[in-house]
Amino acid sequence: MRTPTSDDASGRLDPLNGEHSGVFSPELGEFSNAEQRAEQMGDKETKTGTTTVGLKTSEGVVLATDMRASLGRMVSSKNVQKVEEIHPTGALTIAGSVSAAQSLISSIRAEVRLYEARRGEDMSMQALSTLLGNFLRSGAFFIVQPILGGVDEEGPHIYSIDPAGSILEEEYTVTGSGSQYALGVLEQEYDEELSIEEAKRVAARSIKSAVERDLASGNGINVCVVTEDGVEITQHKDFDEVL
C-alpha cells in the first residue's frame, strides 16, 4: 500500500481524486494470472449469483439484493447479506465472487478509517468511488461488480462500478445475473421524486421480478437505506414485508 506523499517542500498531501488524488490509494498493477485463476476456479468457487439494485432519491439512497449464494449448480446458502456498510453514510452491494467481495469490503473499510483518522473528516462519495475503482483495476478482486450508494455534503449518490474498475454515477442501476429482469421494473417505475419508502417498494418489486426468473437469485431480500443520518440494513424472507 502506498503511503501519503508530498508534492512540495511543505509536505502538503497530494489530492485523492481531483481534489484528493494520491492519498492512501492502492498500488496499481495487474496479477498476471488473474484470469487464469478465475477460469480454474470455475464451479468450485462460491458465488453470489445475485440481483442487486440501487436507487437515488432526494432523501438518500436505497440498495437492495437477494439472499442466495451458489456453488456451481447448488444453492450453497439461503441467508447471505449482500450489502454492507463501508462508510458512516455509505454502503456497498456485492455481486460475483464471495471471497473477493469479502476481501474488498475489508480493505475498503480499513482505507476509510485511515482516511478519517488522518484527515479528521469523512471521505466524500466521489473519493470513495475512485478508491473502489482503483482496487478493482489492480486485479486483486476479480469477478466483483459492486454498487456503491451513499450520502455526503453534495447529497445522495449511486455509482455502478464494473469488475475492471470503471465508475458511472447513475440515478438507478443494477448488477448480477438477474439484472435484466430487475432493470425492466426500474425503467417502468423509477422517478426522481420517489420518497425513501416508495423507493424501497420499487427496489423490492425489481428484486422479486428477478427472483421469479433467475435461478441464481432468491431466498429473500436485503434492504439498505442510506441517509445523512447513517446506514440501516434489514433482511426479509417475505417480500410482502417490504411491498
C-alpha atoms as a PDB file:
ATOM      1  CA  MET A   1       0.000   0.000   0.000  1.00  0.00           C
ATOM      2  CA  ARG A   2       1.352   3.423  -0.939  1.00  0.00           C
ATOM      3  CA  THR A   3       1.926   5.847   1.937  1.00  0.00           C
ATOM      4  CA  PRO A   4       0.946   9.525   1.710  1.00  0.00           C
ATOM      5  CA  THR A   5       3.356  11.592  -0.374  1.00  0.00           C
ATOM      6  CA  SER A   6       4.064  15.293  -0.562  1.00  0.00           C
ATOM      7  CA  ASP A   7       4.162  17.416  -3.675  1.00  0.00           C
ATOM      8  CA  ASP A   8       6.260  20.244  -2.316  1.00  0.00           C
ATOM      9  CA  ALA A   9       8.734  21.027   0.422  1.00  0.00           C
ATOM     10  CA  SER A  10       5.939  21.891   2.864  1.00  0.00           C
ATOM     11  CA  GLY A  11       4.744  18.278   2.854  1.00  0.00           C
ATOM     12  CA  ARG A  12       1.285  19.097   1.506  1.00  0.00           C
ATOM     13  CA  LEU A  13      -0.608  15.903   0.690  1.00  0.00           C
ATOM     14  CA  ASP A  14      -1.499  15.084  -2.898  1.00  0.00           C
ATOM     15  CA  PRO A  15      -5.232  15.069  -3.707  1.00  0.00           C
ATOM     16  CA  LEU A  16      -7.122  11.709  -3.861  1.00  0.00           C
ATOM     17  CA  ASN A  17      -9.441  12.371  -6.778  1.00  0.00           C
ATOM     18  CA  GLY A  18      -9.230  15.730  -8.422  1.00  0.00           C
ATOM     19  CA  GLU A  19      -9.073  17.327  -5.002  1.00  0.00           C
ATOM     20  CA  HIS A  20      -7.753  14.259  -3.226  1.00  0.00           C
ATOM     21  CA  SER A  21      -5.901  12.006  -5.815  1.00  0.00           C
ATOM     22  CA  GLY A  22      -2.764  10.301  -4.495  1.00  0.00           C
ATOM     23  CA  VAL A  23      -3.572   9.737  -0.848  1.00  0.00           C
ATOM     24  CA  PHE A  24      -3.995   6.217   0.506  1.00  0.00           C
ATOM     25  CA  SER A  25      -4.542   4.789  -2.985  1.00  0.00           C
ATOM     26  CA  PRO A  26      -3.509   1.181  -3.657  1.00  0.00           C
ATOM     27  CA  GLU A  27      -0.512   0.421  -5.807  1.00  0.00           C
ATOM     28  CA  LEU A  28      -1.915  -0.250  -9.257  1.00  0.00           C
ATOM     29  CA  GLY A  29      -0.963  -3.143 -11.487  1.00  0.00           C
ATOM     30  CA  GLU A  30      -2.335  -6.483 -12.567  1.00  0.00           C
ATOM     31  CA  PHE A  31      -1.815 -10.009 -11.360  1.00  0.00           C
ATOM     32  CA  SER A  32      -0.568 -11.731 -14.487  1.00  0.00           C
ATOM     33  CA  ASN A  33      -2.524 -14.917 -13.762  1.00  0.00           C
ATOM     34  CA  ALA A  34      -5.777 -13.349 -12.525  1.00  0.00           C
ATOM     35  CA  GLU A  35      -7.883 -14.519 -15.476  1.00  0.00           C
ATOM     36  CA  GLN A  36      -6.334 -17.993 -15.388  1.00  0.00           C
ATOM     37  CA  ARG A  37      -7.101 -18.294 -11.681  1.00  0.00           C
ATOM     38  CA  ALA A  38     -10.715 -17.311 -12.294  1.00  0.00           C
ATOM     39  CA  GLU A  39     -11.102 -19.945 -15.045  1.00  0.00           C
ATOM     40  CA  GLN A  40      -9.528 -22.660 -12.913  1.00  0.00           C
ATOM     41  CA  MET A  41     -11.902 -21.990 -10.028  1.00  0.00           C
ATOM     42  CA  GLY A  42     -14.980 -22.486 -12.196  1.00  0.00           C
ATOM     43  CA  ASP A  43     -17.781 -24.185 -10.298  1.00  0.00           C
ATOM     44  CA  LYS A  44     -15.589 -24.682  -7.208  1.00  0.00           C
ATOM     45  CA  GLU A  45     -15.965 -21.060  -6.165  1.00  0.00           C
ATOM     46  CA  THR A  46     -18.816 -19.754  -4.022  1.00  0.00           C
ATOM     47  CA  LYS A  47     -20.624 -17.023  -5.929  1.00  0.00           C
ATOM     48  CA  THR A  48     -23.487 -14.755  -5.055  1.00  0.00           C
ATOM     49  CA  GLY A  49     -25.226 -15.262  -8.419  1.00  0.00           C
ATOM     50  CA  THR A  50     -27.231 -12.248  -7.447  1.00  0.00           C
ATOM     51  CA  THR A  51     -29.586  -9.475  -8.280  1.00  0.00           C
ATOM     52  CA  THR A  52     -28.655  -6.119  -6.766  1.00  0.00           C
ATOM     53  CA  VAL A  53     -30.225  -2.718  -7.346  1.00  0.00           C
ATOM     54  CA  GLY A  54     -29.524   0.851  -6.282  1.00  0.00           C
ATOM     55  CA  LEU A  55     -31.830   3.892  -6.455  1.00  0.00           C
ATOM     56  CA  LYS A  56     -31.197   7.533  -5.662  1.00  0.00           C
ATOM     57  CA  THR A  57     -33.846   9.744  -4.073  1.00  0.00           C
ATOM     58  CA  SER A  58     -33.784  13.318  -2.814  1.00  0.00           C
ATOM     59  CA  GLU A  59     -33.676  11.992   0.775  1.00  0.00           C
ATOM     60  CA  GLY A  60     -30.970   9.356   0.367  1.00  0.00           C
ATOM     61  CA  VAL A  61     -30.343   6.082  -1.439  1.00  0.00           C
ATOM     62  CA  VAL A  62     -31.890   2.624  -1.330  1.00  0.00           C
ATOM     63  CA  LEU A  63     -29.894  -0.527  -2.092  1.00  0.00           C
ATOM     64  CA  ALA A  64     -31.480  -3.974  -2.314  1.00  0.00           C
ATOM     65  CA  THR A  65     -30.259  -7.502  -3.056  1.00  0.00           C
ATOM     66  CA  ASP A  66     -31.496 -11.071  -2.952  1.00  0.00           C
ATOM     67  CA  MET A  67     -30.083 -13.518  -0.348  1.00  0.00           C
ATOM     68  CA  ARG A  68     -28.887 -16.591  -2.299  1.00  0.00           C
ATOM     69  CA  ALA A  69     -25.321 -17.858  -2.808  1.00  0.00           C
ATOM     70  CA  SER A  70     -24.438 -20.661  -5.208  1.00  0.00           C
ATOM     71  CA  LEU A  71     -21.687 -23.232  -5.618  1.00  0.00           C
ATOM     72  CA  GLY A  72     -21.845 -24.368  -9.210  1.00  0.00           C
ATOM     73  CA  ARG A  73     -25.417 -25.575  -9.710  1.00  0.00           C
ATOM     74  CA  MET A  74     -26.076 -25.901  -5.973  1.00  0.00           C
ATOM     75  CA  VAL A  75     -27.564 -23.311  -3.612  1.00  0.00           C
ATOM     76  CA  SER A  76     -24.800 -23.046  -1.016  1.00  0.00           C
ATOM     77  CA  SER A  77     -26.510 -20.504   1.257  1.00  0.00           C
ATOM     78  CA  LYS A  78     -30.001 -19.075   1.644  1.00  0.00           C
ATOM     79  CA  ASN A  79     -29.090 -16.279   4.039  1.00  0.00           C
ATOM     80  CA  VAL A  80     -26.366 -14.112   2.526  1.00  0.00           C
ATOM     81  CA  GLN A  81     -26.119 -10.420   3.374  1.00  0.00           C
ATOM     82  CA  LYS A  82     -25.017  -8.938   0.064  1.00  0.00           C
ATOM     83  CA  VAL A  83     -24.937  -5.299   1.163  1.00  0.00           C
ATOM     84  CA  GLU A  84     -22.524  -3.966   3.781  1.00  0.00           C
ATOM     85  CA  GLU A  85     -21.831  -0.645   5.464  1.00  0.00           C
ATOM     86  CA  ILE A  86     -18.349   0.563   4.466  1.00  0.00           C
ATOM     87  CA  HIS A  87     -18.591   4.245   5.480  1.00  0.00           C
ATOM     88  CA  PRO A  88     -20.609   6.185   8.096  1.00  0.00           C
ATOM     89  CA  THR A  89     -23.005   7.203   5.312  1.00  0.00           C
ATOM     90  CA  GLY A  90     -22.110   4.714   2.584  1.00  0.00           C
ATOM     91  CA  ALA A  91     -22.813   1.075   1.700  1.00  0.00           C
ATOM     92  CA  LEU A  92     -21.754  -1.430  -0.942  1.00  0.00           C
ATOM     93  CA  THR A  93     -23.630  -4.280  -2.622  1.00  0.00           C
ATOM     94  CA  ILE A  94     -21.750  -7.330  -3.891  1.00  0.00           C
ATOM     95  CA  ALA A  95     -22.224  -9.493  -6.966  1.00  0.00           C
ATOM     96  CA  GLY A  96     -19.803 -12.191  -8.086  1.00  0.00           C
ATOM     97  CA  SER A  97     -17.090 -13.988  -6.126  1.00  0.00           C
ATOM     98  CA  VAL A  98     -17.869 -14.082  -2.397  1.00  0.00           C
ATOM     99  CA  SER A  99     -14.235 -14.358  -1.274  1.00  0.00           C
ATOM    100  CA  ALA A 100     -13.118 -11.444  -3.433  1.00  0.00           C
ATOM    101  CA  ALA A 101     -16.066  -9.327  -2.301  1.00  0.00           C
ATOM    102  CA  GLN A 102     -15.368 -10.020   1.377  1.00  0.00           C
ATOM    103  CA  SER A 103     -11.720  -9.056   0.899  1.00  0.00           C
ATOM    104  CA  LEU A 104     -12.710  -5.892  -0.987  1.00  0.00           C
ATOM    105  CA  ILE A 105     -15.115  -4.807   1.754  1.00  0.00           C
ATOM    106  CA  SER A 106     -12.493  -5.405   4.456  1.00  0.00           C
ATOM    107  CA  SER A 107      -9.865  -3.423   2.510  1.00  0.00           C
ATOM    108  CA  ILE A 108     -12.209  -0.510   1.786  1.00  0.00           C
ATOM    109  CA  ARG A 109     -13.311  -0.248   5.416  1.00  0.00           C
ATOM    110  CA  ALA A 110      -9.669  -0.078   6.509  1.00  0.00           C
ATOM    111  CA  GLU A 111      -8.884   2.655   3.960  1.00  0.00           C
ATOM    112  CA  VAL A 112     -11.918   4.700   5.035  1.00  0.00           C
ATOM    113  CA  ARG A 113     -10.865   4.512   8.693  1.00  0.00           C
ATOM    114  CA  LEU A 114      -7.313   5.558   7.805  1.00  0.00           C
ATOM    115  CA  TYR A 115      -8.569   8.488   5.742  1.00  0.00           C
ATOM    116  CA  GLU A 116     -10.843   9.713   8.527  1.00  0.00           C
ATOM    117  CA  ALA A 117      -8.147   9.311  11.197  1.00  0.00           C
ATOM    118  CA  ARG A 118      -5.536  11.209   9.188  1.00  0.00           C
ATOM    119  CA  ARG A 119      -7.767  13.951   7.781  1.00  0.00           C
ATOM    120  CA  GLY A 120     -10.325  14.297  10.542  1.00  0.00           C
ATOM    121  CA  GLU A 121     -13.219  14.253   8.064  1.00  0.00           C
ATOM    122  CA  ASP A 122     -15.412  11.771   6.245  1.00  0.00           C
ATOM    123  CA  MET A 123     -14.349  10.634   2.785  1.00  0.00           C
ATOM    124  CA  SER A 124     -16.568  12.000   0.008  1.00  0.00           C
ATOM    125  CA  MET A 125     -18.536   9.566  -2.148  1.00  0.00           C
ATOM    126  CA  GLN A 126     -16.548  10.657  -5.210  1.00  0.00           C
ATOM    127  CA  ALA A 127     -13.277   9.833  -3.440  1.00  0.00           C
ATOM    128  CA  LEU A 128     -14.688   6.535  -2.175  1.00  0.00           C
ATOM    129  CA  SER A 129     -15.860   5.514  -5.654  1.00  0.00           C
ATOM    130  CA  THR A 130     -12.418   6.318  -7.052  1.00  0.00           C
ATOM    131  CA  LEU A 131     -10.758   4.220  -4.354  1.00  0.00           C
ATOM    132  CA  LEU A 132     -13.068   1.307  -5.183  1.00  0.00           C
ATOM    133  CA  GLY A 133     -12.274   1.630  -8.877  1.00  0.00           C
ATOM    134  CA  ASN A 134      -8.552   1.639  -8.100  1.00  0.00           C
ATOM    135  CA  PHE A 135      -8.853  -1.555  -6.065  1.00  0.00           C
ATOM    136  CA  LEU A 136     -10.746  -3.332  -8.838  1.00  0.00           C
ATOM    137  CA  ARG A 137      -8.308  -2.174 -11.520  1.00  0.00           C
ATOM    138  CA  SER A 138      -5.451  -3.681  -9.506  1.00  0.00           C
ATOM    139  CA  GLY A 139      -6.687  -7.177 -10.440  1.00  0.00           C
ATOM    140  CA  ALA A 140      -6.721  -8.402  -6.842  1.00  0.00           C
ATOM    141  CA  PHE A 141     -10.517  -8.597  -6.619  1.00  0.00           C
ATOM    142  CA  PHE A 142     -11.518 -10.442  -9.789  1.00  0.00           C
ATOM    143  CA  ILE A 143     -15.165 -11.101 -10.608  1.00  0.00           C
ATOM    144  CA  VAL A 144     -16.728  -8.493  -8.320  1.00  0.00           C
ATOM    145  CA  GLN A 145     -19.253  -5.923  -9.547  1.00  0.00           C
ATOM    146  CA  PRO A 146     -20.434  -3.662  -6.725  1.00  0.00           C
ATOM    147  CA  ILE A 147     -22.932  -0.836  -6.434  1.00  0.00           C
ATOM    148  CA  LEU A 148     -21.861   1.997  -4.147  1.00  0.00           C
ATOM    149  CA  GLY A 149     -24.547   4.135  -2.543  1.00  0.00           C
ATOM    150  CA  GLY A 150     -24.030   6.955  -0.112  1.00  0.00           C
ATOM    151  CA  VAL A 151     -24.676  10.488   1.030  1.00  0.00           C
ATOM    152  CA  ASP A 152     -22.143  13.287   1.506  1.00  0.00           C
ATOM    153  CA  GLU A 153     -22.126  17.090   1.570  1.00  0.00           C
ATOM    154  CA  GLU A 154     -23.187  17.168  -2.084  1.00  0.00           C
ATOM    155  CA  GLY A 155     -26.183  14.885  -1.490  1.00  0.00           C
ATOM    156  CA  PRO A 156     -27.092  11.272  -2.379  1.00  0.00           C
ATOM    157  CA  HIS A 157     -25.030   9.271  -4.898  1.00  0.00           C
ATOM    158  CA  ILE A 158     -25.339   5.907  -6.666  1.00  0.00           C
ATOM    159  CA  TYR A 159     -22.293   4.515  -8.503  1.00  0.00           C
ATOM    160  CA  SER A 160     -22.107   1.463 -10.743  1.00  0.00           C
ATOM    161  CA  ILE A 161     -18.559   0.057 -10.709  1.00  0.00           C
ATOM    162  CA  ASP A 162     -17.669  -2.780 -13.066  1.00  0.00           C
ATOM    163  CA  PRO A 163     -15.064  -5.536 -12.442  1.00  0.00           C
ATOM    164  CA  ALA A 164     -12.466  -3.616 -14.498  1.00  0.00           C
ATOM    165  CA  GLY A 165     -12.872  -0.525 -12.299  1.00  0.00           C
ATOM    166  CA  SER A 166     -14.920   1.843 -14.477  1.00  0.00           C
ATOM    167  CA  ILE A 167     -17.130   4.204 -12.461  1.00  0.00           C
ATOM    168  CA  LEU A 168     -20.515   5.517 -13.587  1.00  0.00           C
ATOM    169  CA  GLU A 169     -22.753   7.691 -11.438  1.00  0.00           C
ATOM    170  CA  GLU A 170     -26.413   6.830 -12.044  1.00  0.00           C
ATOM    171  CA  GLU A 171     -29.935   7.645 -10.906  1.00  0.00           C
ATOM    172  CA  TYR A 172     -30.545   3.901 -10.597  1.00  0.00           C
ATOM    173  CA  THR A 173     -28.541   0.810 -11.543  1.00  0.00           C
ATOM    174  CA  VAL A 174     -28.478  -2.989 -11.350  1.00  0.00           C
ATOM    175  CA  THR A 175     -25.879  -5.773 -11.275  1.00  0.00           C
ATOM    176  CA  GLY A 176     -25.826  -9.554 -11.235  1.00  0.00           C
ATOM    177  CA  SER A 177     -27.289 -12.489 -13.092  1.00  0.00           C
ATOM    178  CA  GLY A 178     -30.879 -11.294 -12.641  1.00  0.00           C
ATOM    179  CA  SER A 179     -30.161  -7.688 -13.543  1.00  0.00           C
ATOM    180  CA  GLN A 180     -32.090  -7.644 -16.825  1.00  0.00           C
ATOM    181  CA  TYR A 181     -35.330  -8.602 -15.061  1.00  0.00           C
ATOM    182  CA  ALA A 182     -34.823  -6.023 -12.304  1.00  0.00           C
ATOM    183  CA  LEU A 183     -33.903  -3.308 -14.785  1.00  0.00           C
ATOM    184  CA  GLY A 184     -37.195  -3.724 -16.625  1.00  0.00           C
ATOM    185  CA  VAL A 185     -39.091  -2.896 -13.428  1.00  0.00           C
ATOM    186  CA  LEU A 186     -36.847   0.079 -12.604  1.00  0.00           C
ATOM    187  CA  GLU A 187     -37.250   1.503 -16.104  1.00  0.00           C
ATOM    188  CA  GLN A 188     -41.024   1.500 -15.636  1.00  0.00           C
ATOM    189  CA  GLU A 189     -41.283   2.611 -12.016  1.00  0.00           C
ATOM    190  CA  TYR A 190     -38.300   4.801 -11.126  1.00  0.00           C
ATOM    191  CA  ASP A 191     -38.958   8.504 -10.626  1.00  0.00           C
ATOM    192  CA  GLU A 192     -36.575  11.068  -9.195  1.00  0.00           C
ATOM    193  CA  GLU A 193     -39.362  12.295  -6.892  1.00  0.00           C
ATOM    194  CA  LEU A 194     -39.681   8.945  -5.088  1.00  0.00           C
ATOM    195  CA  SER A 195     -39.606   9.042  -1.293  1.00  0.00           C
ATOM    196  CA  ILE A 196     -37.425   6.583   0.625  1.00  0.00           C
ATOM    197  CA  GLU A 197     -40.426   4.357   1.391  1.00  0.00           C
ATOM    198  CA  GLU A 198     -41.579   4.418  -2.236  1.00  0.00           C
ATOM    199  CA  ALA A 199     -38.037   3.625  -3.420  1.00  0.00           C
ATOM    200  CA  LYS A 200     -37.910   0.623  -1.055  1.00  0.00           C
ATOM    201  CA  ARG A 201     -41.082  -0.763  -2.617  1.00  0.00           C
ATOM    202  CA  VAL A 202     -39.788  -0.209  -6.172  1.00  0.00           C
ATOM    203  CA  ALA A 203     -36.492  -1.903  -5.244  1.00  0.00           C
ATOM    204  CA  ALA A 204     -38.368  -4.842  -3.708  1.00  0.00           C
ATOM    205  CA  ARG A 205     -40.541  -5.261  -6.805  1.00  0.00           C
ATOM    206  CA  SER A 206     -37.456  -5.264  -9.028  1.00  0.00           C
ATOM    207  CA  ILE A 207     -35.697  -7.914  -6.905  1.00  0.00           C
ATOM    208  CA  LYS A 208     -38.867 -10.014  -6.752  1.00  0.00           C
ATOM    209  CA  SER A 209     -39.168  -9.856 -10.553  1.00  0.00           C
ATOM    210  CA  ALA A 210     -35.620 -11.204 -10.894  1.00  0.00           C
ATOM    211  CA  VAL A 211     -36.159 -13.924  -8.296  1.00  0.00           C
ATOM    212  CA  GLU A 212     -39.116 -15.205 -10.307  1.00  0.00           C
ATOM    213  CA  ARG A 213     -36.936 -15.876 -13.382  1.00  0.00           C
ATOM    214  CA  ASP A 214     -33.258 -16.049 -12.364  1.00  0.00           C
ATOM    215  CA  LEU A 215     -32.184 -19.377 -10.817  1.00  0.00           C
ATOM    216  CA  ALA A 216     -29.163 -17.797  -9.077  1.00  0.00           C
ATOM    217  CA  SER A 217     -31.297 -15.239  -7.196  1.00  0.00           C
ATOM    218  CA  GLY A 218     -33.719 -15.937  -4.384  1.00  0.00           C
ATOM    219  CA  ASN A 219     -34.460 -16.684  -0.709  1.00  0.00           C
ATOM    220  CA  GLY A 220     -35.486 -13.184   0.349  1.00  0.00           C
ATOM    221  CA  ILE A 221     -34.296  -9.602   0.176  1.00  0.00           C
ATOM    222  CA  ASN A 222     -31.727  -7.378   1.882  1.00  0.00           C
ATOM    223  CA  VAL A 223     -32.762  -3.711   2.007  1.00  0.00           C
ATOM    224  CA  CYS A 224     -30.315  -0.934   2.845  1.00  0.00           C
ATOM    225  CA  VAL A 225     -31.329   2.705   3.369  1.00  0.00           C
ATOM    226  CA  VAL A 226     -28.573   5.329   3.494  1.00  0.00           C
ATOM    227  CA  THR A 227     -29.296   8.892   4.583  1.00  0.00           C
ATOM    228  CA  GLU A 228     -27.231  11.666   6.118  1.00  0.00           C
ATOM    229  CA  ASP A 229     -28.054  10.060   9.481  1.00  0.00           C
ATOM    230  CA  GLY A 230     -26.352   6.747   8.653  1.00  0.00           C
ATOM    231  CA  VAL A 231     -26.872   3.271   7.222  1.00  0.00           C
ATOM    232  CA  GLU A 232     -29.744   0.912   8.064  1.00  0.00           C
ATOM    233  CA  ILE A 233     -29.787  -2.675   6.729  1.00  0.00           C
ATOM    234  CA  THR A 234     -32.698  -5.099   7.146  1.00  0.00           C
ATOM    235  CA  GLN A 235     -33.354  -8.658   5.932  1.00  0.00           C
ATOM    236  CA  HIS A 236     -36.733 -10.003   4.867  1.00  0.00           C
ATOM    237  CA  LYS A 237     -37.564 -13.565   3.877  1.00  0.00           C
ATOM    238  CA  ASP A 238     -41.040 -12.441   2.779  1.00  0.00           C
ATOM    239  CA  PHE A 239     -41.197  -9.772   0.078  1.00  0.00           C
ATOM    240  CA  ASP A 240     -44.617  -8.692   1.341  1.00  0.00           C
ATOM    241  CA  GLU A 241     -42.879  -7.202   4.391  1.00  0.00           C
ATOM    242  CA  VAL A 242     -41.401  -4.540   2.069  1.00  0.00           C
ATOM    243  CA  LEU A 243     -44.023  -4.276  -0.679  1.00  0.00           C
END
